[in-house]
């Protein structure tokens, strides 16, 4: 995964989501931005040179945040995002306990979950804008959670 390409994409999608998205889009984007910086802070010097417990912890917290948002928000795309993150966590555990440690698989796994999360938030923001334009409103939270 090209870090510069990912960071440029992260910057573009987050700017779009924060300016045009609804509350769930902004909350999910904020969680991902915090997780990216937290991952950079806790990753070892030889990234993915061994079991990355700190990276796993950050990914676990991000997954719980996104699952919570998916349960509270009126957005279907959050379920997809939660599923991608859950699969990513399970694959990290599987790689940890494989007979041989596969650094390249770990790197590919992280790249496979990084770009789809940004694509889903971008699509979610675009659909939010479409519903706002078409209906004039787009409820962010489930009926029981509206304030």
N, C-alpha and C. Protein backbone atom coordinates (compact mmCIF):
# COMPACT_ATOMS: atom_id res chain seq x y z
N UNK A 1 0.85 -1.18 0.00
CA UNK A 1 0.00 0.00 0.00
C UNK A 1 0.89 1.23 0.00
N UNK A 2 0.65 2.12 -0.92
CA UNK A 2 1.39 3.37 -0.99
C UNK A 2 0.83 4.32 0.07
N UNK A 3 1.65 4.65 1.06
CA UNK A 3 1.19 5.48 2.18
C UNK A 3 0.79 6.88 1.73
N UNK A 4 1.54 7.43 0.79
CA UNK A 4 1.21 8.78 0.32
C UNK A 4 -0.11 8.82 -0.44
N UNK A 5 -0.36 7.79 -1.24
CA UNK A 5 -1.63 7.71 -1.96
C UNK A 5 -2.78 7.57 -0.98
N UNK A 6 -2.60 6.71 0.02
CA UNK A 6 -3.64 6.53 1.02
C UNK A 6 -3.90 7.82 1.79
N UNK A 7 -2.85 8.50 2.23
CA UNK A 7 -3.03 9.74 3.00
C UNK A 7 -3.69 10.83 2.16
N UNK A 8 -3.34 10.91 0.88
CA UNK A 8 -3.99 11.88 -0.01
C UNK A 8 -5.47 11.55 -0.18
N UNK A 9 -5.76 10.26 -0.34
CA UNK A 9 -7.16 9.83 -0.46
C UNK A 9 -7.91 10.09 0.84
N UNK A 10 -7.26 9.80 1.95
CA UNK A 10 -7.86 10.06 3.27
C UNK A 10 -8.19 11.54 3.44
N UNK A 11 -7.26 12.40 3.05
CA UNK A 11 -7.48 13.84 3.16
C UNK A 11 -8.66 14.29 2.30
N UNK A 12 -8.70 13.82 1.07
CA UNK A 12 -9.78 14.22 0.15
C UNK A 12 -11.14 13.72 0.62
N UNK A 13 -11.22 12.45 0.99
CA UNK A 13 -12.50 11.88 1.43
C UNK A 13 -12.94 12.50 2.75
N UNK A 14 -12.00 12.73 3.66
CA UNK A 14 -12.40 13.33 4.94
C UNK A 14 -12.86 14.77 4.76
N UNK A 15 -12.21 15.53 3.89
CA UNK A 15 -12.66 16.91 3.63
C UNK A 15 -14.07 16.90 3.06
N UNK A 16 -14.33 15.99 2.13
CA UNK A 16 -15.67 15.89 1.51
C UNK A 16 -16.70 15.45 2.55
N UNK A 17 -16.37 14.44 3.34
CA UNK A 17 -17.33 13.91 4.31
C UNK A 17 -17.63 14.90 5.43
N UNK A 18 -16.59 15.60 5.91
CA UNK A 18 -16.82 16.57 6.97
C UNK A 18 -17.63 17.77 6.48
N UNK A 19 -17.47 18.14 5.22
CA UNK A 19 -18.19 19.31 4.71
C UNK A 19 -19.57 18.98 4.17
N UNK A 20 -19.77 17.78 3.62
CA UNK A 20 -21.02 17.45 2.94
C UNK A 20 -21.80 16.31 3.56
N UNK A 21 -21.20 15.56 4.47
CA UNK A 21 -21.85 14.38 5.01
C UNK A 21 -22.77 14.70 6.17
N UNK A 22 -23.58 13.71 6.49
CA UNK A 22 -24.43 13.81 7.67
C UNK A 22 -23.65 13.42 8.91
N UNK A 23 -24.32 13.40 10.03
CA UNK A 23 -23.65 13.08 11.29
C UNK A 23 -22.98 11.70 11.28
N UNK A 24 -23.63 10.64 10.76
CA UNK A 24 -22.95 9.34 10.74
C UNK A 24 -21.69 9.33 9.86
N UNK A 25 -21.75 10.01 8.73
CA UNK A 25 -20.57 10.08 7.85
C UNK A 25 -19.42 10.82 8.54
N UNK A 26 -19.75 11.91 9.20
CA UNK A 26 -18.71 12.67 9.90
C UNK A 26 -18.13 11.87 11.07
N UNK A 27 -19.00 11.18 11.81
CA UNK A 27 -18.53 10.39 12.95
C UNK A 27 -17.64 9.23 12.49
N UNK A 28 -18.04 8.54 11.45
CA UNK A 28 -17.23 7.42 10.94
C UNK A 28 -15.90 7.93 10.40
N UNK A 29 -15.93 9.04 9.70
CA UNK A 29 -14.69 9.59 9.14
C UNK A 29 -13.76 10.03 10.26
N UNK A 30 -14.30 10.65 11.30
CA UNK A 30 -13.48 11.07 12.43
C UNK A 30 -12.84 9.86 13.11
N UNK A 31 -13.61 8.78 13.26
CA UNK A 31 -13.07 7.57 13.88
C UNK A 31 -11.93 7.00 13.05
N UNK A 32 -12.08 7.01 11.74
CA UNK A 32 -11.03 6.47 10.88
C UNK A 32 -9.79 7.35 10.90
N UNK A 33 -9.97 8.66 10.89
CA UNK A 33 -8.81 9.56 10.94
C UNK A 33 -8.04 9.36 12.25
N UNK A 34 -8.76 9.29 13.36
CA UNK A 34 -8.11 9.06 14.65
C UNK A 34 -7.39 7.70 14.64
N UNK A 35 -8.02 6.68 14.07
CA UNK A 35 -7.41 5.35 14.03
C UNK A 35 -6.15 5.34 13.17
N UNK A 36 -6.13 6.09 12.07
CA UNK A 36 -4.93 6.15 11.22
C UNK A 36 -3.76 6.74 12.00
N UNK A 37 -4.00 7.85 12.68
CA UNK A 37 -2.93 8.47 13.46
C UNK A 37 -2.53 7.62 14.66
N UNK A 38 -3.50 6.97 15.30
CA UNK A 38 -3.19 6.09 16.42
C UNK A 38 -2.37 4.89 15.96
N UNK A 39 -2.70 4.35 14.80
CA UNK A 39 -1.94 3.23 14.25
C UNK A 39 -0.50 3.64 13.99
N UNK A 40 -0.31 4.82 13.43
CA UNK A 40 1.05 5.31 13.18
C UNK A 40 1.82 5.49 14.50
N UNK A 41 1.11 5.87 15.55
CA UNK A 41 1.76 6.10 16.84
C UNK A 41 2.15 4.80 17.54
N UNK A 42 1.35 3.75 17.38
CA UNK A 42 1.61 2.52 18.13
C UNK A 42 2.34 1.45 17.33
N UNK A 43 2.48 1.62 16.03
CA UNK A 43 3.15 0.61 15.21
C UNK A 43 4.62 0.54 15.56
N UNK A 44 5.17 -0.66 15.47
CA UNK A 44 6.58 -0.85 15.78
C UNK A 44 7.46 -0.25 14.69
N UNK A 45 8.75 -0.17 14.95
CA UNK A 45 9.69 0.39 13.98
C UNK A 45 9.72 -0.47 12.71
N UNK A 46 9.66 -1.76 12.88
CA UNK A 46 9.57 -2.69 11.75
C UNK A 46 8.10 -3.07 11.59
N UNK A 47 7.36 -2.20 10.94
CA UNK A 47 5.92 -2.41 10.86
C UNK A 47 5.61 -3.78 10.26
N UNK A 48 4.77 -4.51 10.95
CA UNK A 48 4.36 -5.84 10.58
C UNK A 48 5.53 -6.82 10.53
N UNK A 49 6.56 -6.52 11.32
CA UNK A 49 7.67 -7.44 11.43
C UNK A 49 7.38 -8.53 12.44
N UNK A 50 6.33 -8.38 13.20
CA UNK A 50 5.90 -9.35 14.20
C UNK A 50 4.45 -9.08 14.52
N UNK A 51 4.00 -9.64 15.60
CA UNK A 51 2.60 -9.41 16.00
C UNK A 51 2.46 -7.97 16.47
N UNK A 52 1.60 -7.24 15.83
CA UNK A 52 1.38 -5.83 16.15
C UNK A 52 0.19 -5.71 17.10
N UNK A 53 0.46 -5.85 18.38
CA UNK A 53 -0.61 -5.80 19.39
C UNK A 53 -1.24 -4.41 19.44
N UNK A 54 -0.43 -3.38 19.34
CA UNK A 54 -0.96 -2.01 19.36
C UNK A 54 -1.88 -1.74 18.17
N UNK A 55 -1.46 -2.18 17.00
CA UNK A 55 -2.29 -2.01 15.79
C UNK A 55 -3.59 -2.79 15.93
N UNK A 56 -3.50 -4.00 16.48
CA UNK A 56 -4.70 -4.80 16.71
C UNK A 56 -5.64 -4.10 17.68
N UNK A 57 -5.09 -3.50 18.73
CA UNK A 57 -5.92 -2.78 19.71
C UNK A 57 -6.63 -1.60 19.06
N UNK A 58 -5.90 -0.83 18.24
CA UNK A 58 -6.51 0.31 17.54
C UNK A 58 -7.61 -0.19 16.61
N UNK A 59 -7.35 -1.25 15.87
CA UNK A 59 -8.35 -1.79 14.95
C UNK A 59 -9.58 -2.31 15.69
N UNK A 60 -9.36 -2.90 16.87
CA UNK A 60 -10.47 -3.40 17.68
C UNK A 60 -11.35 -2.24 18.16
N UNK A 61 -10.74 -1.18 18.64
CA UNK A 61 -11.50 -0.02 19.10
C UNK A 61 -12.26 0.60 17.93
N UNK A 62 -11.60 0.76 16.79
CA UNK A 62 -12.27 1.31 15.61
C UNK A 62 -13.47 0.44 15.22
N UNK A 63 -13.30 -0.86 15.26
CA UNK A 63 -14.40 -1.77 14.91
C UNK A 63 -15.57 -1.59 15.86
N UNK A 64 -15.31 -1.49 17.15
CA UNK A 64 -16.40 -1.28 18.11
C UNK A 64 -17.10 0.05 17.88
N UNK A 65 -16.36 1.09 17.55
CA UNK A 65 -16.97 2.39 17.28
C UNK A 65 -17.87 2.30 16.05
N UNK A 66 -17.38 1.68 14.99
CA UNK A 66 -18.16 1.58 13.75
C UNK A 66 -19.38 0.68 13.94
N UNK A 67 -19.24 -0.42 14.68
CA UNK A 67 -20.39 -1.28 14.95
C UNK A 67 -21.44 -0.50 15.75
N UNK A 68 -21.02 0.29 16.71
CA UNK A 68 -21.96 1.11 17.48
C UNK A 68 -22.67 2.11 16.58
N UNK A 69 -21.91 2.77 15.70
CA UNK A 69 -22.54 3.70 14.75
C UNK A 69 -23.52 2.97 13.85
N UNK A 70 -23.16 1.77 13.41
CA UNK A 70 -24.05 1.00 12.53
C UNK A 70 -25.36 0.65 13.23
N UNK A 71 -25.29 0.41 14.53
CA UNK A 71 -26.50 0.08 15.28
C UNK A 71 -27.38 1.30 15.53
N UNK A 72 -26.77 2.48 15.60
CA UNK A 72 -27.52 3.69 15.94
C UNK A 72 -27.97 4.51 14.73
N UNK A 73 -27.27 4.39 13.63
CA UNK A 73 -27.51 5.27 12.48
C UNK A 73 -28.49 4.67 11.49
N UNK A 74 -29.08 5.54 10.70
CA UNK A 74 -29.97 5.15 9.61
C UNK A 74 -29.18 5.04 8.31
N UNK A 75 -28.09 4.28 8.34
CA UNK A 75 -27.22 4.15 7.18
C UNK A 75 -26.86 2.68 6.97
N UNK A 76 -27.17 2.16 5.79
CA UNK A 76 -26.87 0.77 5.49
C UNK A 76 -25.38 0.54 5.26
N UNK A 77 -24.70 1.53 4.69
CA UNK A 77 -23.28 1.37 4.36
C UNK A 77 -22.42 1.13 5.60
N UNK A 78 -22.88 1.58 6.76
CA UNK A 78 -22.13 1.34 8.00
C UNK A 78 -22.07 -0.15 8.35
N UNK A 79 -23.10 -0.90 7.95
CA UNK A 79 -23.07 -2.34 8.18
C UNK A 79 -21.97 -2.99 7.35
N UNK A 80 -21.82 -2.53 6.11
CA UNK A 80 -20.75 -3.03 5.25
C UNK A 80 -19.38 -2.68 5.84
N UNK A 81 -19.25 -1.48 6.31
CA UNK A 81 -17.99 -1.04 6.90
C UNK A 81 -17.67 -1.87 8.14
N UNK A 82 -18.66 -2.09 8.98
CA UNK A 82 -18.46 -2.91 10.18
C UNK A 82 -18.03 -4.32 9.78
N UNK A 83 -18.66 -4.88 8.76
CA UNK A 83 -18.31 -6.23 8.31
C UNK A 83 -16.87 -6.30 7.82
N UNK A 84 -16.43 -5.31 7.06
CA UNK A 84 -15.05 -5.29 6.57
C UNK A 84 -14.08 -5.25 7.75
N UNK A 85 -14.37 -4.42 8.73
CA UNK A 85 -13.47 -4.30 9.88
C UNK A 85 -13.46 -5.57 10.74
N UNK A 86 -14.60 -6.21 10.89
CA UNK A 86 -14.67 -7.46 11.66
C UNK A 86 -13.86 -8.55 10.97
N UNK A 87 -14.03 -8.68 9.66
CA UNK A 87 -13.25 -9.67 8.91
C UNK A 87 -11.76 -9.36 9.02
N UNK A 88 -11.40 -8.10 8.95
CA UNK A 88 -10.00 -7.70 9.07
C UNK A 88 -9.42 -8.12 10.43
N UNK A 89 -10.19 -7.92 11.50
CA UNK A 89 -9.73 -8.34 12.83
C UNK A 89 -9.54 -9.85 12.91
N UNK A 90 -10.50 -10.59 12.38
CA UNK A 90 -10.41 -12.04 12.43
C UNK A 90 -9.22 -12.55 11.61
N UNK A 91 -8.98 -11.93 10.48
CA UNK A 91 -7.83 -12.33 9.66
C UNK A 91 -6.51 -12.00 10.34
N UNK A 92 -6.47 -10.89 11.07
CA UNK A 92 -5.25 -10.57 11.82
C UNK A 92 -4.96 -11.67 12.84
N UNK A 93 -5.98 -12.10 13.54
CA UNK A 93 -5.79 -13.18 14.51
C UNK A 93 -5.35 -14.47 13.82
N UNK A 94 -5.95 -14.78 12.69
CA UNK A 94 -5.58 -15.99 11.96
C UNK A 94 -4.12 -15.95 11.52
N UNK A 95 -3.68 -14.78 11.06
CA UNK A 95 -2.29 -14.65 10.62
C UNK A 95 -1.34 -14.81 11.82
N UNK A 96 -1.73 -14.27 12.97
CA UNK A 96 -0.90 -14.39 14.16
C UNK A 96 -0.63 -15.85 14.52
N UNK A 97 -1.64 -16.68 14.32
CA UNK A 97 -1.52 -18.07 14.76
C UNK A 97 -1.27 -19.04 13.62
N UNK A 98 -0.90 -18.54 12.47
CA UNK A 98 -0.49 -19.40 11.36
C UNK A 98 0.86 -20.04 11.70
N UNK A 99 1.15 -21.19 11.11
CA UNK A 99 2.44 -21.84 11.39
C UNK A 99 3.64 -20.95 11.08
N UNK A 100 3.55 -20.21 10.02
CA UNK A 100 4.60 -19.27 9.66
C UNK A 100 3.99 -17.88 9.61
N UNK A 101 4.77 -16.93 10.03
CA UNK A 101 4.27 -15.56 10.01
C UNK A 101 4.47 -14.98 8.62
N UNK A 102 3.42 -14.45 8.04
CA UNK A 102 3.46 -13.92 6.69
C UNK A 102 3.31 -12.40 6.72
N UNK A 103 4.42 -11.69 6.69
CA UNK A 103 4.43 -10.23 6.75
C UNK A 103 3.67 -9.62 5.56
N UNK A 104 3.89 -10.16 4.37
CA UNK A 104 3.24 -9.61 3.18
C UNK A 104 1.71 -9.77 3.24
N UNK A 105 1.26 -10.89 3.80
CA UNK A 105 -0.18 -11.10 3.93
C UNK A 105 -0.76 -10.05 4.88
N UNK A 106 -0.06 -9.76 5.95
CA UNK A 106 -0.48 -8.75 6.91
C UNK A 106 -0.58 -7.38 6.23
N UNK A 107 0.42 -7.04 5.45
CA UNK A 107 0.41 -5.76 4.73
C UNK A 107 -0.76 -5.69 3.76
N UNK A 108 -0.97 -6.75 3.00
CA UNK A 108 -2.08 -6.77 2.03
C UNK A 108 -3.42 -6.69 2.77
N UNK A 109 -3.52 -7.39 3.88
CA UNK A 109 -4.75 -7.37 4.67
C UNK A 109 -5.10 -5.95 5.10
N UNK A 110 -4.11 -5.21 5.60
CA UNK A 110 -4.38 -3.84 6.02
C UNK A 110 -4.76 -2.96 4.84
N UNK A 111 -4.11 -3.15 3.72
CA UNK A 111 -4.45 -2.37 2.52
C UNK A 111 -5.85 -2.72 2.04
N UNK A 112 -6.21 -3.99 2.12
CA UNK A 112 -7.54 -4.41 1.65
C UNK A 112 -8.65 -3.83 2.50
N UNK A 113 -8.39 -3.55 3.75
CA UNK A 113 -9.44 -2.96 4.58
C UNK A 113 -9.38 -1.44 4.59
N UNK A 114 -8.25 -0.85 4.22
CA UNK A 114 -8.11 0.61 4.29
C UNK A 114 -8.87 1.32 3.17
N UNK A 115 -8.65 0.92 1.95
CA UNK A 115 -9.29 1.62 0.83
C UNK A 115 -10.81 1.42 0.77
N UNK A 116 -11.32 0.21 0.99
CA UNK A 116 -12.78 0.07 0.98
C UNK A 116 -13.49 0.91 2.03
N UNK A 117 -12.85 1.14 3.19
CA UNK A 117 -13.49 1.98 4.21
C UNK A 117 -13.68 3.40 3.67
N UNK A 118 -12.68 3.92 2.99
CA UNK A 118 -12.80 5.27 2.43
C UNK A 118 -13.83 5.31 1.31
N UNK A 119 -13.86 4.27 0.49
CA UNK A 119 -14.84 4.21 -0.60
C UNK A 119 -16.25 4.17 -0.03
N UNK A 120 -16.47 3.38 1.03
CA UNK A 120 -17.80 3.30 1.63
C UNK A 120 -18.23 4.64 2.22
N UNK A 121 -17.33 5.35 2.88
CA UNK A 121 -17.69 6.66 3.44
C UNK A 121 -17.99 7.64 2.31
N UNK A 122 -17.22 7.59 1.25
CA UNK A 122 -17.47 8.46 0.10
C UNK A 122 -18.85 8.17 -0.50
N UNK A 123 -19.16 6.90 -0.71
CA UNK A 123 -20.47 6.53 -1.25
C UNK A 123 -21.57 6.92 -0.28
N UNK A 124 -21.36 6.70 1.01
CA UNK A 124 -22.35 7.10 2.01
C UNK A 124 -22.61 8.60 1.99
N UNK A 125 -21.57 9.39 1.83
CA UNK A 125 -21.72 10.84 1.75
C UNK A 125 -22.46 11.24 0.48
N UNK A 126 -22.12 10.62 -0.63
CA UNK A 126 -22.81 10.91 -1.89
C UNK A 126 -24.29 10.56 -1.80
N UNK A 127 -24.60 9.42 -1.21
CA UNK A 127 -26.01 9.03 -1.06
C UNK A 127 -26.75 9.97 -0.11
N UNK A 128 -26.07 10.42 0.95
CA UNK A 128 -26.67 11.39 1.85
C UNK A 128 -27.02 12.67 1.10
N UNK A 129 -26.09 13.16 0.28
CA UNK A 129 -26.34 14.38 -0.51
C UNK A 129 -27.49 14.17 -1.47
N UNK A 130 -27.57 12.98 -2.07
CA UNK A 130 -28.66 12.68 -3.00
C UNK A 130 -30.01 12.68 -2.28
N UNK A 131 -30.07 12.05 -1.11
CA UNK A 131 -31.33 12.03 -0.36
C UNK A 131 -31.72 13.43 0.11
N UNK A 132 -30.75 14.24 0.48
CA UNK A 132 -31.04 15.62 0.88
C UNK A 132 -31.61 16.41 -0.30
N UNK A 133 -31.04 16.21 -1.46
CA UNK A 133 -31.49 16.94 -2.65
C UNK A 133 -32.86 16.45 -3.10
N UNK A 134 -33.08 15.15 -3.04
CA UNK A 134 -34.34 14.57 -3.50
C UNK A 134 -35.47 14.80 -2.51
N UNK A 135 -35.23 14.50 -1.23
CA UNK A 135 -36.30 14.54 -0.22
C UNK A 135 -36.30 15.80 0.63
N UNK A 136 -35.17 16.49 0.66
CA UNK A 136 -35.06 17.66 1.51
C UNK A 136 -34.65 17.33 2.94
N UNK A 137 -34.57 16.05 3.26
CA UNK A 137 -34.14 15.62 4.59
C UNK A 137 -33.53 14.23 4.49
N UNK A 138 -32.75 13.88 5.48
CA UNK A 138 -32.15 12.55 5.56
C UNK A 138 -31.85 12.28 7.02
N UNK A 139 -32.74 11.54 7.72
CA UNK A 139 -32.52 11.30 9.14
C UNK A 139 -31.21 10.55 9.37
N UNK A 140 -30.45 11.03 10.34
CA UNK A 140 -29.16 10.43 10.62
C UNK A 140 -29.23 9.23 11.54
N UNK A 141 -30.11 9.30 12.52
CA UNK A 141 -30.14 8.29 13.58
C UNK A 141 -31.46 7.56 13.58
N UNK A 142 -31.45 6.34 14.11
CA UNK A 142 -32.66 5.53 14.21
C UNK A 142 -33.70 6.27 15.04
N UNK A 143 -34.94 5.94 14.83
CA UNK A 143 -36.05 6.66 15.47
C UNK A 143 -35.91 6.78 16.98
N UNK A 144 -35.46 5.72 17.63
CA UNK A 144 -35.33 5.72 19.07
C UNK A 144 -34.17 6.58 19.56
N UNK A 145 -33.32 7.03 18.66
CA UNK A 145 -32.12 7.77 19.06
C UNK A 145 -32.14 9.22 18.63
N UNK A 146 -33.20 9.68 18.05
CA UNK A 146 -33.24 11.09 17.60
C UNK A 146 -33.41 12.01 18.79
N UNK A 147 -32.68 13.09 18.77
CA UNK A 147 -32.79 14.06 19.86
C UNK A 147 -33.33 15.38 19.32
